[in-house]
Amino acid sequence: MDFLLTPNPGLVIWTTISFVGLFLALKKYAWGPILQALKVREDTIEYSLQAAEKAKADVEEMVATRQKMMDEAKKERDELLKDTRALKDSILAEAKESAQEETQKLLNVARKQIETDKLTAINQLKNQVADMSIQIASILIDKEIDTDEKQKELINKHLDKANFN
């Protein structure tokens, strides 16, 4: 077993030449393609990471855009509801005002009609009272004043002095 511990110069030289040859062959034919494959793989991974980052940024941008669009839609909906409520309130107020005006007009017309009817009724009542007074006076004194016109004038003069209200 001594031969394992003592180096043989021929063996060392041939081992060194074999090692250098194998090293040069591996460097030329194995490490170059392996390093090239590793470089391609590294570039692919880098590109995939960049694509993933870009996709993530795109998704975040789409989420922000979607949220912005939803906010705008909510704002438009709120504005539309506000405008609709304002229009409804305006229409109701206008209808109420119109109804009040119409009611007031009808009340004014009714009051005028009542006043006119009242005056007509008073005048008719005065005329009837005057006619009845003439008939009663004619019957009582059995004497007539010259004309009916003078009688009515006299009675109306006395009735105007009297207050029937």
N, C-alpha and C. Protein backbone atom coordinates (compact mmCIF):
# COMPACT_ATOMS: atom_id res chain seq x y z
N MET A 1 0.80 -1.18 0.00
CA MET A 1 0.00 0.00 0.00
C MET A 1 0.85 1.25 0.00
N ASP A 2 2.00 1.09 -0.13
CA ASP A 2 2.92 2.19 -0.19
C ASP A 2 2.78 2.98 -1.48
N PHE A 3 2.40 2.33 -2.47
CA PHE A 3 2.33 3.01 -3.78
C PHE A 3 1.25 4.09 -3.82
N LEU A 4 0.31 4.02 -2.91
CA LEU A 4 -0.74 5.03 -2.89
C LEU A 4 -0.23 6.34 -2.28
N LEU A 5 0.74 6.21 -1.38
CA LEU A 5 1.20 7.39 -0.70
C LEU A 5 2.39 8.03 -1.41
N THR A 6 3.06 7.38 -2.21
CA THR A 6 4.20 7.95 -2.92
C THR A 6 3.76 8.29 -4.33
N PRO A 7 3.96 9.53 -4.72
CA PRO A 7 3.51 9.92 -6.05
C PRO A 7 4.49 9.41 -7.11
N ASN A 8 3.94 8.95 -8.13
CA ASN A 8 4.70 8.50 -9.28
C ASN A 8 4.71 9.66 -10.26
N PRO A 9 5.90 10.15 -10.72
CA PRO A 9 5.94 11.32 -11.58
C PRO A 9 5.22 11.10 -12.90
N GLY A 10 5.23 9.99 -13.46
CA GLY A 10 4.53 9.74 -14.72
C GLY A 10 3.03 9.81 -14.53
N LEU A 11 2.60 9.25 -13.40
CA LEU A 11 1.17 9.28 -13.11
C LEU A 11 0.69 10.71 -12.88
N VAL A 12 1.48 11.50 -12.21
CA VAL A 12 1.12 12.89 -11.94
C VAL A 12 1.05 13.65 -13.26
N ILE A 13 1.98 13.44 -14.13
CA ILE A 13 1.98 14.16 -15.40
C ILE A 13 0.77 13.75 -16.23
N TRP A 14 0.53 12.47 -16.34
CA TRP A 14 -0.61 12.01 -17.16
C TRP A 14 -1.94 12.42 -16.51
N THR A 15 -2.03 12.46 -15.24
CA THR A 15 -3.24 12.90 -14.55
C THR A 15 -3.46 14.38 -14.80
N THR A 16 -2.35 15.15 -14.73
CA THR A 16 -2.46 16.59 -14.98
C THR A 16 -2.85 16.84 -16.43
N ILE A 17 -2.26 16.13 -17.37
CA ILE A 17 -2.61 16.32 -18.78
C ILE A 17 -4.06 15.91 -19.01
N SER A 18 -4.48 14.80 -18.40
CA SER A 18 -5.88 14.36 -18.56
C SER A 18 -6.85 15.40 -17.96
N PHE A 19 -6.44 15.90 -16.79
CA PHE A 19 -7.29 16.90 -16.13
C PHE A 19 -7.41 18.16 -16.96
N VAL A 20 -6.28 18.67 -17.48
CA VAL A 20 -6.29 19.90 -18.29
C VAL A 20 -7.06 19.64 -19.57
N GLY A 21 -6.89 18.51 -20.20
CA GLY A 21 -7.63 18.19 -21.43
C GLY A 21 -9.13 18.11 -21.17
N LEU A 22 -9.45 17.38 -20.11
CA LEU A 22 -10.88 17.28 -19.76
C LEU A 22 -11.44 18.65 -19.44
N PHE A 23 -10.63 19.45 -18.71
CA PHE A 23 -11.08 20.82 -18.36
C PHE A 23 -11.32 21.65 -19.61
N LEU A 24 -10.38 21.60 -20.58
CA LEU A 24 -10.54 22.37 -21.81
C LEU A 24 -11.72 21.86 -22.64
N ALA A 25 -11.91 20.57 -22.69
CA ALA A 25 -13.02 20.01 -23.44
C ALA A 25 -14.36 20.40 -22.80
N LEU A 26 -14.40 20.30 -21.48
CA LEU A 26 -15.65 20.69 -20.79
C LEU A 26 -15.91 22.18 -20.96
N LYS A 27 -14.85 22.98 -20.89
CA LYS A 27 -15.02 24.42 -21.05
C LYS A 27 -15.56 24.75 -22.43
N LYS A 28 -15.01 24.09 -23.45
CA LYS A 28 -15.43 24.39 -24.82
C LYS A 28 -16.80 23.81 -25.14
N TYR A 29 -17.05 22.56 -24.74
CA TYR A 29 -18.28 21.89 -25.19
C TYR A 29 -19.39 21.81 -24.15
N ALA A 30 -19.10 21.91 -22.88
CA ALA A 30 -20.14 21.73 -21.87
C ALA A 30 -20.48 23.04 -21.15
N TRP A 31 -19.48 23.74 -20.61
CA TRP A 31 -19.78 24.93 -19.84
C TRP A 31 -20.37 26.05 -20.68
N GLY A 32 -19.90 26.22 -21.87
CA GLY A 32 -20.45 27.27 -22.74
C GLY A 32 -21.95 27.07 -22.96
N PRO A 33 -22.38 25.91 -23.43
CA PRO A 33 -23.81 25.68 -23.61
C PRO A 33 -24.59 25.71 -22.29
N ILE A 34 -23.97 25.19 -21.22
CA ILE A 34 -24.66 25.21 -19.92
C ILE A 34 -24.82 26.65 -19.45
N LEU A 35 -23.72 27.43 -19.56
CA LEU A 35 -23.82 28.85 -19.16
C LEU A 35 -24.78 29.61 -20.07
N GLN A 36 -24.78 29.27 -21.34
CA GLN A 36 -25.72 29.91 -22.28
C GLN A 36 -27.15 29.54 -21.91
N ALA A 37 -27.42 28.29 -21.60
CA ALA A 37 -28.75 27.85 -21.20
C ALA A 37 -29.18 28.54 -19.90
N LEU A 38 -28.22 28.66 -18.96
CA LEU A 38 -28.52 29.37 -17.71
C LEU A 38 -28.83 30.84 -17.98
N LYS A 39 -28.06 31.44 -18.90
CA LYS A 39 -28.31 32.85 -19.25
C LYS A 39 -29.70 33.01 -19.87
N VAL A 40 -30.06 32.08 -20.80
CA VAL A 40 -31.39 32.13 -21.42
C VAL A 40 -32.46 31.96 -20.36
N ARG A 41 -32.25 31.00 -19.46
CA ARG A 41 -33.23 30.76 -18.39
C ARG A 41 -33.35 32.00 -17.49
N GLU A 42 -32.21 32.61 -17.16
CA GLU A 42 -32.21 33.82 -16.33
C GLU A 42 -32.96 34.95 -17.04
N ASP A 43 -32.70 35.12 -18.34
CA ASP A 43 -33.40 36.16 -19.11
C ASP A 43 -34.89 35.88 -19.17
N THR A 44 -35.27 34.60 -19.35
CA THR A 44 -36.68 34.22 -19.40
C THR A 44 -37.37 34.52 -18.06
N ILE A 45 -36.69 34.17 -16.99
CA ILE A 45 -37.26 34.44 -15.66
C ILE A 45 -37.38 35.95 -15.44
N GLU A 46 -36.36 36.71 -15.83
CA GLU A 46 -36.41 38.17 -15.69
C GLU A 46 -37.56 38.76 -16.51
N TYR A 47 -37.70 38.26 -17.76
CA TYR A 47 -38.79 38.74 -18.61
C TYR A 47 -40.14 38.36 -18.00
N SER A 48 -40.25 37.15 -17.47
CA SER A 48 -41.51 36.72 -16.84
C SER A 48 -41.83 37.57 -15.62
N LEU A 49 -40.81 37.90 -14.83
CA LEU A 49 -41.03 38.76 -13.66
C LEU A 49 -41.48 40.15 -14.09
N GLN A 50 -40.83 40.69 -15.14
CA GLN A 50 -41.24 42.01 -15.63
C GLN A 50 -42.67 41.96 -16.19
N ALA A 51 -42.98 40.88 -16.91
CA ALA A 51 -44.35 40.74 -17.45
C ALA A 51 -45.35 40.62 -16.32
N ALA A 52 -44.98 39.89 -15.25
CA ALA A 52 -45.88 39.75 -14.10
C ALA A 52 -46.07 41.10 -13.41
N GLU A 53 -44.99 41.87 -13.26
CA GLU A 53 -45.09 43.21 -12.66
C GLU A 53 -45.97 44.12 -13.52
N LYS A 54 -45.77 44.03 -14.83
CA LYS A 54 -46.58 44.86 -15.74
C LYS A 54 -48.04 44.44 -15.66
N ALA A 55 -48.29 43.12 -15.63
CA ALA A 55 -49.67 42.63 -15.52
C ALA A 55 -50.29 43.08 -14.21
N LYS A 56 -49.51 43.03 -13.13
CA LYS A 56 -49.99 43.47 -11.83
C LYS A 56 -50.34 44.97 -11.87
N ALA A 57 -49.46 45.76 -12.48
CA ALA A 57 -49.72 47.20 -12.61
C ALA A 57 -50.96 47.45 -13.46
N ASP A 58 -51.11 46.66 -14.55
CA ASP A 58 -52.29 46.80 -15.41
C ASP A 58 -53.57 46.45 -14.64
N VAL A 59 -53.51 45.38 -13.85
CA VAL A 59 -54.68 44.98 -13.06
C VAL A 59 -55.01 46.07 -12.05
N GLU A 60 -53.99 46.61 -11.39
CA GLU A 60 -54.23 47.69 -10.42
C GLU A 60 -54.82 48.92 -11.11
N GLU A 61 -54.33 49.21 -12.30
CA GLU A 61 -54.86 50.35 -13.05
C GLU A 61 -56.31 50.09 -13.46
N MET A 62 -56.61 48.86 -13.88
CA MET A 62 -57.98 48.53 -14.26
C MET A 62 -58.90 48.59 -13.05
N VAL A 63 -58.40 48.14 -11.88
CA VAL A 63 -59.20 48.22 -10.65
C VAL A 63 -59.46 49.68 -10.30
N ALA A 64 -58.43 50.51 -10.41
CA ALA A 64 -58.61 51.94 -10.12
C ALA A 64 -59.58 52.58 -11.11
N THR A 65 -59.45 52.21 -12.39
CA THR A 65 -60.36 52.75 -13.42
C THR A 65 -61.79 52.29 -13.15
N ARG A 66 -61.94 51.01 -12.81
CA ARG A 66 -63.27 50.48 -12.51
C ARG A 66 -63.88 51.22 -11.31
N GLN A 67 -63.05 51.42 -10.26
CA GLN A 67 -63.54 52.12 -9.08
C GLN A 67 -63.92 53.56 -9.42
N LYS A 68 -63.10 54.19 -10.26
CA LYS A 68 -63.39 55.57 -10.67
C LYS A 68 -64.70 55.61 -11.46
N MET A 69 -64.88 54.64 -12.36
CA MET A 69 -66.12 54.59 -13.15
C MET A 69 -67.32 54.34 -12.25
N MET A 70 -67.17 53.47 -11.26
CA MET A 70 -68.27 53.21 -10.33
C MET A 70 -68.59 54.46 -9.52
N ASP A 71 -67.54 55.16 -9.08
CA ASP A 71 -67.76 56.40 -8.33
C ASP A 71 -68.48 57.43 -9.19
N GLU A 72 -68.05 57.55 -10.46
CA GLU A 72 -68.71 58.49 -11.36
C GLU A 72 -70.17 58.08 -11.61
N ALA A 73 -70.41 56.77 -11.76
CA ALA A 73 -71.77 56.31 -11.97
C ALA A 73 -72.64 56.59 -10.75
N LYS A 74 -72.08 56.37 -9.56
CA LYS A 74 -72.82 56.68 -8.33
C LYS A 74 -73.10 58.17 -8.24
N LYS A 75 -72.10 58.97 -8.61
CA LYS A 75 -72.27 60.43 -8.57
C LYS A 75 -73.36 60.86 -9.55
N GLU A 76 -73.32 60.29 -10.77
CA GLU A 76 -74.35 60.62 -11.76
C GLU A 76 -75.72 60.17 -11.28
N ARG A 77 -75.79 58.98 -10.67
CA ARG A 77 -77.06 58.48 -10.14
C ARG A 77 -77.58 59.41 -9.05
N ASP A 78 -76.68 59.83 -8.14
CA ASP A 78 -77.08 60.74 -7.07
C ASP A 78 -77.55 62.08 -7.64
N GLU A 79 -76.85 62.59 -8.64
CA GLU A 79 -77.25 63.84 -9.29
C GLU A 79 -78.61 63.69 -9.95
N LEU A 80 -78.79 62.56 -10.63
CA LEU A 80 -80.07 62.31 -11.31
C LEU A 80 -81.20 62.21 -10.29
N LEU A 81 -80.96 61.52 -9.19
CA LEU A 81 -81.98 61.43 -8.14
C LEU A 81 -82.25 62.80 -7.53
N LYS A 82 -81.18 63.57 -7.33
CA LYS A 82 -81.35 64.92 -6.77
C LYS A 82 -82.18 65.79 -7.71
N ASP A 83 -81.83 65.74 -9.02
CA ASP A 83 -82.57 66.51 -10.00
C ASP A 83 -84.02 66.06 -10.08
N THR A 84 -84.23 64.74 -10.01
CA THR A 84 -85.59 64.21 -10.07
C THR A 84 -86.40 64.66 -8.86
N ARG A 85 -85.76 64.60 -7.69
CA ARG A 85 -86.47 65.06 -6.48
C ARG A 85 -86.78 66.55 -6.57
N ALA A 86 -85.82 67.33 -7.05
CA ALA A 86 -86.04 68.77 -7.20
C ALA A 86 -87.17 69.04 -8.19
N LEU A 87 -87.18 68.29 -9.29
CA LEU A 87 -88.25 68.45 -10.28
C LEU A 87 -89.60 68.07 -9.68
N LYS A 88 -89.62 66.97 -8.93
CA LYS A 88 -90.86 66.54 -8.28
C LYS A 88 -91.35 67.61 -7.31
N ASP A 89 -90.42 68.12 -6.47
CA ASP A 89 -90.79 69.15 -5.51
C ASP A 89 -91.28 70.41 -6.23
N SER A 90 -90.62 70.75 -7.33
CA SER A 90 -91.02 71.92 -8.11
C SER A 90 -92.41 71.74 -8.69
N ILE A 91 -92.65 70.56 -9.26
CA ILE A 91 -93.96 70.29 -9.85
C ILE A 91 -95.04 70.31 -8.78
N LEU A 92 -94.75 69.69 -7.62
CA LEU A 92 -95.73 69.67 -6.54
C LEU A 92 -95.99 71.09 -6.02
N ALA A 93 -94.92 71.87 -5.85
CA ALA A 93 -95.09 73.24 -5.37
C ALA A 93 -95.89 74.06 -6.37
N GLU A 94 -95.59 73.87 -7.65
CA GLU A 94 -96.30 74.61 -8.70
C GLU A 94 -97.77 74.20 -8.73
N ALA A 95 -98.02 72.90 -8.61
CA ALA A 95 -99.41 72.42 -8.60
C ALA A 95 -100.15 72.93 -7.38
N LYS A 96 -99.47 72.93 -6.23
CA LYS A 96 -100.09 73.43 -5.01
C LYS A 96 -100.40 74.92 -5.14
N GLU A 97 -99.43 75.67 -5.67
CA GLU A 97 -99.63 77.10 -5.85
C GLU A 97 -100.76 77.37 -6.84
N SER A 98 -100.77 76.60 -7.92
CA SER A 98 -101.82 76.76 -8.92
C SER A 98 -103.18 76.44 -8.33
N ALA A 99 -103.23 75.38 -7.53
CA ALA A 99 -104.50 75.00 -6.89
C ALA A 99 -104.96 76.09 -5.92
N GLN A 100 -104.00 76.65 -5.17
CA GLN A 100 -104.35 77.72 -4.24
C GLN A 100 -104.86 78.95 -4.99
N GLU A 101 -104.18 79.28 -6.09
CA GLU A 101 -104.62 80.43 -6.88
C GLU A 101 -106.02 80.18 -7.45
N GLU A 102 -106.23 78.98 -7.96
CA GLU A 102 -107.55 78.65 -8.53
C GLU A 102 -108.62 78.68 -7.45
N THR A 103 -108.27 78.15 -6.28
CA THR A 103 -109.21 78.17 -5.16
C THR A 103 -109.53 79.61 -4.76
N GLN A 104 -108.48 80.43 -4.71
CA GLN A 104 -108.69 81.84 -4.34
C GLN A 104 -109.57 82.55 -5.38
N LYS A 105 -109.32 82.26 -6.65
CA LYS A 105 -110.15 82.86 -7.70
C LYS A 105 -111.60 82.43 -7.56
N LEU A 106 -111.79 81.12 -7.33
CA LEU A 106 -113.16 80.61 -7.17
C LEU A 106 -113.84 81.23 -5.95
N LEU A 107 -113.07 81.38 -4.86
CA LEU A 107 -113.64 82.01 -3.67
C LEU A 107 -114.01 83.47 -3.94
N ASN A 108 -113.13 84.17 -4.65
CA ASN A 108 -113.42 85.57 -4.98
C ASN A 108 -114.66 85.67 -5.86
N VAL A 109 -114.75 84.79 -6.86
CA VAL A 109 -115.93 84.79 -7.74
C VAL A 109 -117.18 84.47 -6.92
N ALA A 110 -117.06 83.48 -6.03
CA ALA A 110 -118.21 83.10 -5.21
C ALA A 110 -118.61 84.25 -4.29
N ARG A 111 -117.63 84.93 -3.69
CA ARG A 111 -117.95 86.06 -2.81
C ARG A 111 -118.64 87.18 -3.59
N LYS A 112 -118.10 87.46 -4.79
CA LYS A 112 -118.73 88.49 -5.61
C LYS A 112 -120.15 88.09 -5.99
N GLN A 113 -120.30 86.81 -6.35
CA GLN A 113 -121.64 86.33 -6.72
C GLN A 113 -122.59 86.41 -5.52
N ILE A 114 -122.07 86.03 -4.35
CA ILE A 114 -122.90 86.11 -3.14
C ILE A 114 -123.27 87.56 -2.86
N GLU A 115 -122.31 88.45 -2.99
CA GLU A 115 -122.59 89.87 -2.74
C GLU A 115 -123.61 90.40 -3.75
N THR A 116 -123.42 90.02 -5.02
CA THR A 116 -124.37 90.44 -6.05
C THR A 116 -125.76 89.88 -5.77
N ASP A 117 -125.80 88.58 -5.44
CA ASP A 117 -127.09 87.95 -5.12
C ASP A 117 -127.73 88.59 -3.89
N LYS A 118 -126.89 88.94 -2.92
CA LYS A 118 -127.39 89.58 -1.71
C LYS A 118 -128.01 90.93 -2.03
N LEU A 119 -127.24 91.72 -2.84
CA LEU A 119 -127.78 93.04 -3.21
C LEU A 119 -129.06 92.90 -4.04
N THR A 120 -129.07 91.92 -4.95
CA THR A 120 -130.27 91.68 -5.77
C THR A 120 -131.44 91.29 -4.88
N ALA A 121 -131.16 90.39 -3.91
CA ALA A 121 -132.22 89.95 -3.01
C ALA A 121 -132.73 91.10 -2.16
N ILE A 122 -131.80 91.95 -1.67
CA ILE A 122 -132.22 93.11 -0.87
C ILE A 122 -133.08 94.05 -1.70
N ASN A 123 -132.63 94.31 -2.94
CA ASN A 123 -133.41 95.19 -3.81
C ASN A 123 -134.78 94.59 -4.12
N GLN A 124 -134.80 93.28 -4.37
CA GLN A 124 -136.10 92.64 -4.64
C GLN A 124 -136.98 92.70 -3.40
N LEU A 125 -136.35 92.47 -2.23
CA LEU A 125 -137.10 92.54 -0.99
C LEU A 125 -137.64 93.95 -0.76
N LYS A 126 -136.81 94.97 -1.03
CA LYS A 126 -137.26 96.35 -0.89
C LYS A 126 -138.44 96.62 -1.82
N ASN A 127 -138.29 96.15 -3.07
CA ASN A 127 -139.38 96.37 -4.03
C ASN A 127 -140.66 95.66 -3.58
N GLN A 128 -140.50 94.43 -3.08
CA GLN A 128 -141.68 93.70 -2.62
C GLN A 128 -142.29 94.40 -1.40
N VAL A 129 -141.41 94.84 -0.48
CA VAL A 129 -141.92 95.56 0.69
C VAL A 129 -142.62 96.84 0.24
N ALA A 130 -142.03 97.53 -0.74
CA ALA A 130 -142.64 98.77 -1.23
C ALA A 130 -143.99 98.47 -1.85
N ASP A 131 -144.05 97.41 -2.67
CA ASP A 131 -145.33 97.06 -3.30
C ASP A 131 -146.36 96.68 -2.23
N MET A 132 -145.91 95.88 -1.26
CA MET A 132 -146.86 95.47 -0.21
C MET A 132 -147.29 96.67 0.63
N SER A 133 -146.31 97.57 0.88
CA SER A 133 -146.66 98.76 1.66
C SER A 133 -147.69 99.61 0.91
N ILE A 134 -147.50 99.72 -0.41
CA ILE A 134 -148.45 100.50 -1.21
C ILE A 134 -149.83 99.87 -1.15
N GLN A 135 -149.82 98.53 -1.29
CA GLN A 135 -151.13 97.85 -1.26
C GLN A 135 -151.78 98.00 0.11
N ILE A 136 -150.96 97.86 1.17
CA ILE A 136 -151.52 97.99 2.51
C ILE A 136 -151.99 99.42 2.74
N ALA A 137 -151.16 100.39 2.33
CA ALA A 137 -151.54 101.79 2.52
C ALA A 137 -152.78 102.11 1.71
N SER A 138 -152.86 101.55 0.50
CA SER A 138 -154.05 101.80 -0.32
C SER A 138 -155.29 101.24 0.35
N ILE A 139 -155.11 100.07 0.89
CA ILE A 139 -156.26 99.44 1.54
C ILE A 139 -156.63 100.23 2.78
N LEU A 140 -155.64 100.65 3.56
CA LEU A 140 -155.93 101.31 4.82
C LEU A 140 -156.50 102.72 4.61
N ILE A 141 -155.91 103.45 3.78
CA ILE A 141 -156.42 104.82 3.63
C ILE A 141 -157.35 104.94 2.45
N ASP A 142 -157.44 103.91 1.75
CA ASP A 142 -158.33 103.85 0.61
C ASP A 142 -158.16 105.09 -0.26
N LYS A 143 -156.96 105.49 -0.30
CA LYS A 143 -156.66 106.65 -1.08
C LYS A 143 -155.31 106.39 -1.74
N GLU A 144 -155.21 106.71 -2.95
CA GLU A 144 -153.97 106.46 -3.66
C GLU A 144 -153.30 107.78 -3.98
N ILE A 145 -151.98 107.69 -3.97
CA ILE A 145 -151.22 108.84 -4.41
C ILE A 145 -151.30 108.82 -5.92
N ASP A 146 -151.07 109.95 -6.55
CA ASP A 146 -151.33 110.12 -7.97
C ASP A 146 -150.83 108.96 -8.83
N THR A 147 -149.60 108.61 -8.70
CA THR A 147 -149.06 107.55 -9.57
C THR A 147 -148.28 106.54 -8.74
N ASP A 148 -148.12 105.38 -9.32
CA ASP A 148 -147.34 104.32 -8.66
C ASP A 148 -145.87 104.74 -8.53
N GLU A 149 -145.37 105.49 -9.47
CA GLU A 149 -143.98 105.92 -9.45
C GLU A 149 -143.72 106.80 -8.24
N LYS A 150 -144.60 107.71 -7.95
CA LYS A 150 -144.43 108.60 -6.81
C LYS A 150 -144.51 107.80 -5.52
N GLN A 151 -145.37 106.79 -5.51
CA GLN A 151 -145.50 105.95 -4.32
C GLN A 151 -144.20 105.17 -4.07
N LYS A 152 -143.71 104.58 -5.12
CA LYS A 152 -142.48 103.79 -4.98
C LYS A 152 -141.31 104.69 -4.57
N GLU A 153 -141.25 105.87 -5.13
CA GLU A 153 -140.19 106.81 -4.81
C GLU A 153 -140.25 107.18 -3.34
N LEU A 154 -141.42 107.45 -2.83
CA LEU A 154 -141.61 107.81 -1.43
C LEU A 154 -141.22 106.66 -0.51
N ILE A 155 -141.65 105.46 -0.87
CA ILE A 155 -141.35 104.28 -0.03
C ILE A 155 -139.86 103.97 -0.08
N ASN A 156 -139.25 104.03 -1.25
CA ASN A 156 -137.81 103.76 -1.36
C ASN A 156 -137.02 104.77 -0.56
N LYS A 157 -137.47 106.01 -0.54
CA LYS A 157 -136.81 107.04 0.25
C LYS A 157 -136.84 106.68 1.72
N HIS A 158 -137.96 106.20 2.22
CA HIS A 158 -138.07 105.82 3.62
C HIS A 158 -137.34 104.50 3.91
N LEU A 159 -137.34 103.59 2.93
CA LEU A 159 -136.63 102.33 3.13
C LEU A 159 -135.12 102.52 3.13
N ASP A 160 -134.62 103.45 2.34
CA ASP A 160 -133.18 103.72 2.32
C ASP A 160 -132.72 104.26 3.68
N LYS A 161 -133.60 105.01 4.32
CA LYS A 161 -133.27 105.52 5.64
C LYS A 161 -133.25 104.39 6.67
N ALA A 162 -134.05 103.37 6.45
CA ALA A 162 -134.09 102.22 7.38
C ALA A 162 -132.92 101.29 7.06
N ASN A 163 -132.37 100.65 8.08
CA ASN A 163 -131.21 99.74 7.88
C ASN A 163 -131.68 98.30 8.01
N PHE A 164 -131.55 97.49 6.92
CA PHE A 164 -132.00 96.09 6.94
C PHE A 164 -130.86 95.13 7.20
N ASN A 165 -129.65 95.59 7.40
CA ASN A 165 -128.50 94.69 7.57
C ASN A 165 -128.48 94.22 8.95
